[in-house]
C-alpha atoms as a PDB file:
ATOM      1  CA  UNK A   1     -58.784 -38.350   6.041  1.00  0.00           C
ATOM      2  CA  UNK A   2     -59.826 -40.773   8.786  1.00  0.00           C
ATOM      3  CA  UNK A   3     -63.101 -41.521   6.963  1.00  0.00           C
ATOM      4  CA  UNK A   4     -61.075 -42.512   3.915  1.00  0.00           C
ATOM      5  CA  UNK A   5     -59.100 -45.050   5.960  1.00  0.00           C
ATOM      6  CA  UNK A   6     -62.241 -46.405   7.625  1.00  0.00           C
ATOM      7  CA  UNK A   7     -63.934 -46.665   4.225  1.00  0.00           C
ATOM      8  CA  UNK A   8     -60.991 -48.581   2.761  1.00  0.00           C
ATOM      9  CA  UNK A   9     -61.399 -51.207   5.480  1.00  0.00           C
ATOM     10  CA  UNK A  10     -65.099 -51.643   4.630  1.00  0.00           C
ATOM     11  CA  UNK A  11     -66.449 -50.310   7.937  1.00  0.00           C
ATOM     12  CA  UNK A  12     -68.733 -47.849   6.153  1.00  0.00           C
ATOM     13  CA  UNK A  13     -70.190 -50.309   3.672  1.00  0.00           C
ATOM     14  CA  UNK A  14     -73.103 -51.263   5.933  1.00  0.00           C
ATOM     15  CA  UNK A  15     -73.489 -48.202   8.172  1.00  0.00           C
ATOM     16  CA  UNK A  16     -74.876 -44.744   7.579  1.00  0.00           C
ATOM     17  CA  UNK A  17     -71.978 -42.299   7.456  1.00  0.00           C
ATOM     18  CA  UNK A  18     -70.726 -38.969   6.201  1.00  0.00           C
ATOM     19  CA  UNK A  19     -67.457 -37.403   5.091  1.00  0.00           C
ATOM     20  CA  UNK A  20     -66.326 -34.213   3.395  1.00  0.00           C
ATOM     21  CA  UNK A  21     -68.028 -35.370   0.201  1.00  0.00           C
ATOM     22  CA  UNK A  22     -69.248 -38.607  -1.346  1.00  0.00           C
ATOM     23  CA  UNK A  23     -67.029 -38.171  -4.389  1.00  0.00           C
ATOM     24  CA  UNK A  24     -64.029 -37.958  -2.045  1.00  0.00           C
ATOM     25  CA  UNK A  25     -64.709 -41.421  -0.647  1.00  0.00           C
ATOM     26  CA  UNK A  26     -65.530 -42.831  -4.079  1.00  0.00           C
ATOM     27  CA  UNK A  27     -62.305 -41.498  -5.585  1.00  0.00           C
ATOM     28  CA  UNK A  28     -59.815 -41.948  -2.761  1.00  0.00           C
ATOM     29  CA  UNK A  29     -60.978 -44.924  -0.711  1.00  0.00           C
ATOM     30  CA  UNK A  30     -60.068 -48.078  -2.605  1.00  0.00           C
ATOM     31  CA  UNK A  31     -62.800 -50.745  -2.297  1.00  0.00           C
ATOM     32  CA  UNK A  32     -65.362 -48.289  -0.838  1.00  0.00           C
ATOM     33  CA  UNK A  33     -68.856 -49.565  -1.605  1.00  0.00           C
ATOM     34  CA  UNK A  34     -70.996 -47.765   0.956  1.00  0.00           C
ATOM     35  CA  UNK A  35     -72.337 -44.947  -1.208  1.00  0.00           C
ATOM     36  CA  UNK A  36     -75.951 -46.062  -0.596  1.00  0.00           C
ATOM     37  CA  UNK A  37     -75.413 -45.348   3.118  1.00  0.00           C
ATOM     38  CA  UNK A  38     -73.792 -41.936   2.638  1.00  0.00           C
ATOM     39  CA  UNK A  39     -75.600 -39.007   4.287  1.00  0.00           C
ATOM     40  CA  UNK A  40     -74.877 -35.394   3.393  1.00  0.00           C
ATOM     41  CA  UNK A  41     -74.816 -34.284   7.038  1.00  0.00           C
ATOM     42  CA  UNK A  42     -72.258 -32.789   9.407  1.00  0.00           C
ATOM     43  CA  UNK A  43     -72.099 -35.850  11.673  1.00  0.00           C
ATOM     44  CA  UNK A  44     -73.681 -39.304  11.580  1.00  0.00           C
ATOM     45  CA  UNK A  45     -73.759 -42.171  14.069  1.00  0.00           C
ATOM     46  CA  UNK A  46     -74.786 -45.697  13.087  1.00  0.00           C
ATOM     47  CA  UNK A  47     -73.765 -49.116  14.401  1.00  0.00           C
ATOM     48  CA  UNK A  48     -71.504 -47.397  16.955  1.00  0.00           C
ATOM     49  CA  UNK A  49     -69.513 -45.770  14.148  1.00  0.00           C
ATOM     50  CA  UNK A  50     -69.343 -41.983  14.335  1.00  0.00           C
ATOM     51  CA  UNK A  51     -68.344 -40.029  11.254  1.00  0.00           C
ATOM     52  CA  UNK A  52     -68.181 -36.298  10.621  1.00  0.00           C
ATOM     53  CA  UNK A  53     -66.965 -33.979   7.936  1.00  0.00           C
ATOM     54  CA  UNK A  54     -64.149 -31.503   8.344  1.00  0.00           C
ATOM     55  CA  UNK A  55     -66.374 -28.595   9.352  1.00  0.00           C
ATOM     56  CA  UNK A  56     -68.086 -30.370  12.248  1.00  0.00           C
ATOM     57  CA  UNK A  57     -65.804 -29.826  15.260  1.00  0.00           C
ATOM     58  CA  UNK A  58     -68.800 -29.400  17.588  1.00  0.00           C
ATOM     59  CA  UNK A  59     -71.140 -31.943  16.017  1.00  0.00           C
ATOM     60  CA  UNK A  60     -68.562 -34.730  16.231  1.00  0.00           C
ATOM     61  CA  UNK A  61     -68.079 -34.634  20.025  1.00  0.00           C
ATOM     62  CA  UNK A  62     -71.835 -34.216  20.461  1.00  0.00           C
ATOM     63  CA  UNK A  63     -72.275 -37.580  18.737  1.00  0.00           C
ATOM     64  CA  UNK A  64     -69.585 -39.062  20.974  1.00  0.00           C
ATOM     65  CA  UNK A  65     -71.318 -37.722  24.097  1.00  0.00           C
ATOM     66  CA  UNK A  66     -74.635 -39.188  22.933  1.00  0.00           C
ATOM     67  CA  UNK A  67     -73.140 -42.576  22.109  1.00  0.00           C
ATOM     68  CA  UNK A  68     -71.302 -42.849  25.421  1.00  0.00           C
ATOM     69  CA  UNK A  69     -74.310 -41.428  27.289  1.00  0.00           C
ATOM     70  CA  UNK A  70     -71.825 -39.104  28.941  1.00  0.00           C
ATOM     71  CA  UNK A  71     -74.591 -36.657  29.891  1.00  0.00           C
ATOM     72  CA  UNK A  72     -78.352 -36.648  29.537  1.00  0.00           C
ATOM     73  CA  UNK A  73     -79.885 -35.278  26.331  1.00  0.00           C
ATOM     74  CA  UNK A  74     -80.697 -31.893  27.860  1.00  0.00           C
ATOM     75  CA  UNK A  75     -77.135 -31.347  29.106  1.00  0.00           C
ATOM     76  CA  UNK A  76     -75.686 -32.394  25.739  1.00  0.00           C
ATOM     77  CA  UNK A  77     -77.958 -29.949  23.943  1.00  0.00           C
ATOM     78  CA  UNK A  78     -76.989 -27.153  26.355  1.00  0.00           C
ATOM     79  CA  UNK A  79     -73.311 -27.917  25.740  1.00  0.00           C
ATOM     80  CA  UNK A  80     -73.894 -27.944  21.974  1.00  0.00           C
ATOM     81  CA  UNK A  81     -75.744 -24.613  21.994  1.00  0.00           C
ATOM     82  CA  UNK A  82     -72.975 -23.014  24.050  1.00  0.00           C
ATOM     83  CA  UNK A  83     -70.093 -24.127  21.859  1.00  0.00           C
ATOM     84  CA  UNK A  84     -71.917 -23.905  18.513  1.00  0.00           C
ATOM     85  CA  UNK A  85     -73.881 -20.680  19.006  1.00  0.00           C
ATOM     86  CA  UNK A  86     -72.568 -19.084  22.194  1.00  0.00           C
ATOM     87  CA  UNK A  87     -75.922 -19.553  23.925  1.00  0.00           C
ATOM     88  CA  UNK A  88     -76.320 -20.939  27.449  1.00  0.00           C
ATOM     89  CA  UNK A  89     -79.759 -21.788  28.809  1.00  0.00           C
ATOM     90  CA  UNK A  90     -80.715 -22.784  32.317  1.00  0.00           C
END
């Protein structure tokens, strides 16, 4: 739903992005013209815009952590593996 609002404002027209489905944005986001930048992925970051589809509750914060450089890459990957797959590595 958020992606639809962001798309309506034109923020996705010039950035790689994702959503639940391309047809969703094309049908429900008036003035959306970013279909050439759509990626069929769980989460995408481009131009400091982070988008994710509805089944990416772990991928979305991972992209936030990366963008904010909250932790180093190794720590982010360890966090991701723990919450996505239940695996912790030292």
